[in-house]
C-alpha atoms as a PDB file:
ATOM      1  CA  MET A   1       0.000   0.000   0.000  1.00  0.00           C
ATOM      2  CA  ARG A   2       2.861   2.371   0.604  1.00  0.00           C
ATOM      3  CA  ASP A   3       3.724   2.707  -3.114  1.00  0.00           C
ATOM      4  CA  TYR A   4       0.487   4.462  -4.127  1.00  0.00           C
ATOM      5  CA  TYR A   5       0.126   8.158  -4.771  1.00  0.00           C
ATOM      6  CA  LEU A   6      -2.922  10.212  -3.946  1.00  0.00           C
ATOM      7  CA  SER A   7      -4.695  12.408  -6.434  1.00  0.00           C
ATOM      8  CA  GLU A   8      -2.859  15.528  -5.272  1.00  0.00           C
ATOM      9  CA  GLY A   9       0.452  13.838  -6.068  1.00  0.00           C
ATOM     10  CA  ASN A  10       1.625  13.489  -2.475  1.00  0.00           C
ATOM     11  CA  ALA A  11       3.677  10.367  -1.816  1.00  0.00           C
ATOM     12  CA  ILE A  12       2.241   8.381   1.064  1.00  0.00           C
ATOM     13  CA  LYS A  13       5.335   6.317   1.800  1.00  0.00           C
ATOM     14  CA  ASP A  14       6.279   8.442   4.817  1.00  0.00           C
ATOM     15  CA  LYS A  15       2.807   8.821   6.312  1.00  0.00           C
ATOM     16  CA  THR A  16       1.065   6.900   9.059  1.00  0.00           C
ATOM     17  CA  GLU A  17      -1.962   4.792   8.230  1.00  0.00           C
ATOM     18  CA  GLU A  18      -4.220   7.312   9.981  1.00  0.00           C
ATOM     19  CA  GLU A  19      -2.785  10.167   7.898  1.00  0.00           C
ATOM     20  CA  ILE A  20      -3.328   8.118   4.750  1.00  0.00           C
ATOM     21  CA  LYS A  21      -6.950   7.430   5.694  1.00  0.00           C
ATOM     22  CA  LYS A  22      -7.642  11.109   6.416  1.00  0.00           C
ATOM     23  CA  GLU A  23      -6.034  12.201   3.165  1.00  0.00           C
ATOM     24  CA  LEU A  24      -7.973   9.622   1.158  1.00  0.00           C
ATOM     25  CA  ILE A  25     -11.267  10.717   2.698  1.00  0.00           C
ATOM     26  CA  THR A  26     -10.432  14.365   2.008  1.00  0.00           C
ATOM     27  CA  SER A  27      -9.476  13.510  -1.576  1.00  0.00           C
ATOM     28  CA  ILE A  28     -12.727  11.630  -2.132  1.00  0.00           C
ATOM     29  CA  ASN A  29     -14.764  14.530  -0.732  1.00  0.00           C
ATOM     30  CA  ASN A  30     -12.913  16.967  -3.007  1.00  0.00           C
ATOM     31  CA  VAL A  31     -13.338  14.889  -6.147  1.00  0.00           C
ATOM     32  CA  ILE A  32     -17.062  14.440  -5.425  1.00  0.00           C
ATOM     33  CA  LEU A  33     -17.418  18.232  -5.219  1.00  0.00           C
ATOM     34  CA  GLU A  34     -15.429  18.670  -8.434  1.00  0.00           C
ATOM     35  CA  LEU A  35     -17.525  16.034 -10.192  1.00  0.00           C
ATOM     36  CA  ASN A  36     -20.774  17.650  -9.078  1.00  0.00           C
ATOM     37  CA  THR A  37     -19.558  21.053 -10.262  1.00  0.00           C
ATOM     38  CA  ALA A  38     -18.538  19.610 -13.632  1.00  0.00           C
ATOM     39  CA  HIS A  39     -22.010  18.064 -14.015  1.00  0.00           C
ATOM     40  CA  GLU A  40     -23.667  21.393 -13.182  1.00  0.00           C
ATOM     41  CA  ASN A  41     -21.428  23.217 -15.663  1.00  0.00           C
ATOM     42  CA  TYR A  42     -22.212  20.612 -18.326  1.00  0.00           C
ATOM     43  CA  ASP A  43     -25.934  21.081 -17.751  1.00  0.00           C
ATOM     44  CA  ASN A  44     -25.564  24.836 -18.258  1.00  0.00           C
ATOM     45  CA  ALA A  45     -22.992  24.749 -21.067  1.00  0.00           C
ATOM     46  CA  VAL A  46     -23.645  26.700 -24.232  1.00  0.00           C
ATOM     47  CA  GLY A  47     -21.961  25.614 -27.444  1.00  0.00           C
ATOM     48  CA  LYS A  48     -20.433  22.369 -28.596  1.00  0.00           C
ATOM     49  CA  GLU A  49     -16.927  23.266 -27.412  1.00  0.00           C
ATOM     50  CA  MET A  50     -18.048  23.873 -23.845  1.00  0.00           C
ATOM     51  CA  ILE A  51     -20.142  20.703 -23.808  1.00  0.00           C
ATOM     52  CA  ASP A  52     -17.079  18.754 -25.001  1.00  0.00           C
ATOM     53  CA  TYR A  53     -14.895  20.463 -22.384  1.00  0.00           C
ATOM     54  CA  TYR A  54     -17.190  19.578 -19.502  1.00  0.00           C
ATOM     55  CA  SER A  55     -17.640  16.048 -20.831  1.00  0.00           C
ATOM     56  CA  TYR A  56     -13.862  15.583 -20.608  1.00  0.00           C
ATOM     57  CA  GLN A  57     -13.826  17.102 -17.131  1.00  0.00           C
ATOM     58  CA  ILE A  58     -16.527  14.702 -15.966  1.00  0.00           C
ATOM     59  CA  LYS A  59     -14.596  11.764 -17.406  1.00  0.00           C
ATOM     60  CA  ALA A  60     -11.377  12.916 -15.706  1.00  0.00           C
ATOM     61  CA  PHE A  61     -13.001  13.425 -12.306  1.00  0.00           C
ATOM     62  CA  GLN A  62     -14.789  10.083 -12.584  1.00  0.00           C
ATOM     63  CA  SER A  63     -11.446   8.395 -13.300  1.00  0.00           C
ATOM     64  CA  LYS A  64      -9.911  10.125 -10.280  1.00  0.00           C
ATOM     65  CA  TYR A  65     -12.838   8.999  -8.117  1.00  0.00           C
ATOM     66  CA  ASP A  66     -12.531   5.415  -9.396  1.00  0.00           C
ATOM     67  CA  TYR A  67      -8.794   5.453  -8.644  1.00  0.00           C
ATOM     68  CA  LEU A  68      -9.348   6.652  -5.084  1.00  0.00           C
ATOM     69  CA  ILE A  69     -12.054   4.057  -4.454  1.00  0.00           C
ATOM     70  CA  LYS A  70      -9.778   1.332  -5.830  1.00  0.00           C
ATOM     71  CA  THR A  71      -6.948   2.583  -3.619  1.00  0.00           C
ATOM     72  CA  ILE A  72      -8.955   2.368  -0.408  1.00  0.00           C
ATOM     73  CA  LYS A  73     -10.551  -1.017  -1.095  1.00  0.00           C
ATOM     74  CA  GLY A  74      -9.398  -3.401   1.584  1.00  0.00           C
ATOM     75  CA  MET A  75      -8.547  -0.605   4.017  1.00  0.00           C
ATOM     76  CA  ASN A  76     -10.758  -0.384   7.084  1.00  0.00           C
ATOM     77  CA  ILE A  77     -12.165   3.114   6.702  1.00  0.00           C
ATOM     78  CA  SER A  78     -15.484   3.336   8.489  1.00  0.00           C
ATOM     79  CA  GLN A  79     -16.017   6.993   7.502  1.00  0.00           C
ATOM     80  CA  LEU A  80     -16.026   5.959   3.844  1.00  0.00           C
ATOM     81  CA  LYS A  81     -19.536   4.512   4.149  1.00  0.00           C
ATOM     82  CA  LYS A  82     -20.785   7.974   5.114  1.00  0.00           C
ATOM     83  CA  ILE A  83     -19.197   9.543   2.019  1.00  0.00           C
ATOM     84  CA  ILE A  84     -20.303   7.137  -0.690  1.00  0.00           C
END
């Protein structure tokens, strides 16, 4: 587990398990907010270019979210159930 990197690019090799859990939860909360904002922007987009732009943003944030969920699978993070 210590070889993974979080979405912000911070190496976790020198962090305690509790610090890793807190950072993962914070990262998931942030990406959920970003994803929701991208969806709202997509819904209000005018013009094909902006629709394409927000479509790519949604895809990128969804990939980030999927990565974070995959990273925390198997870790005992009880707060995660409240987030998802």
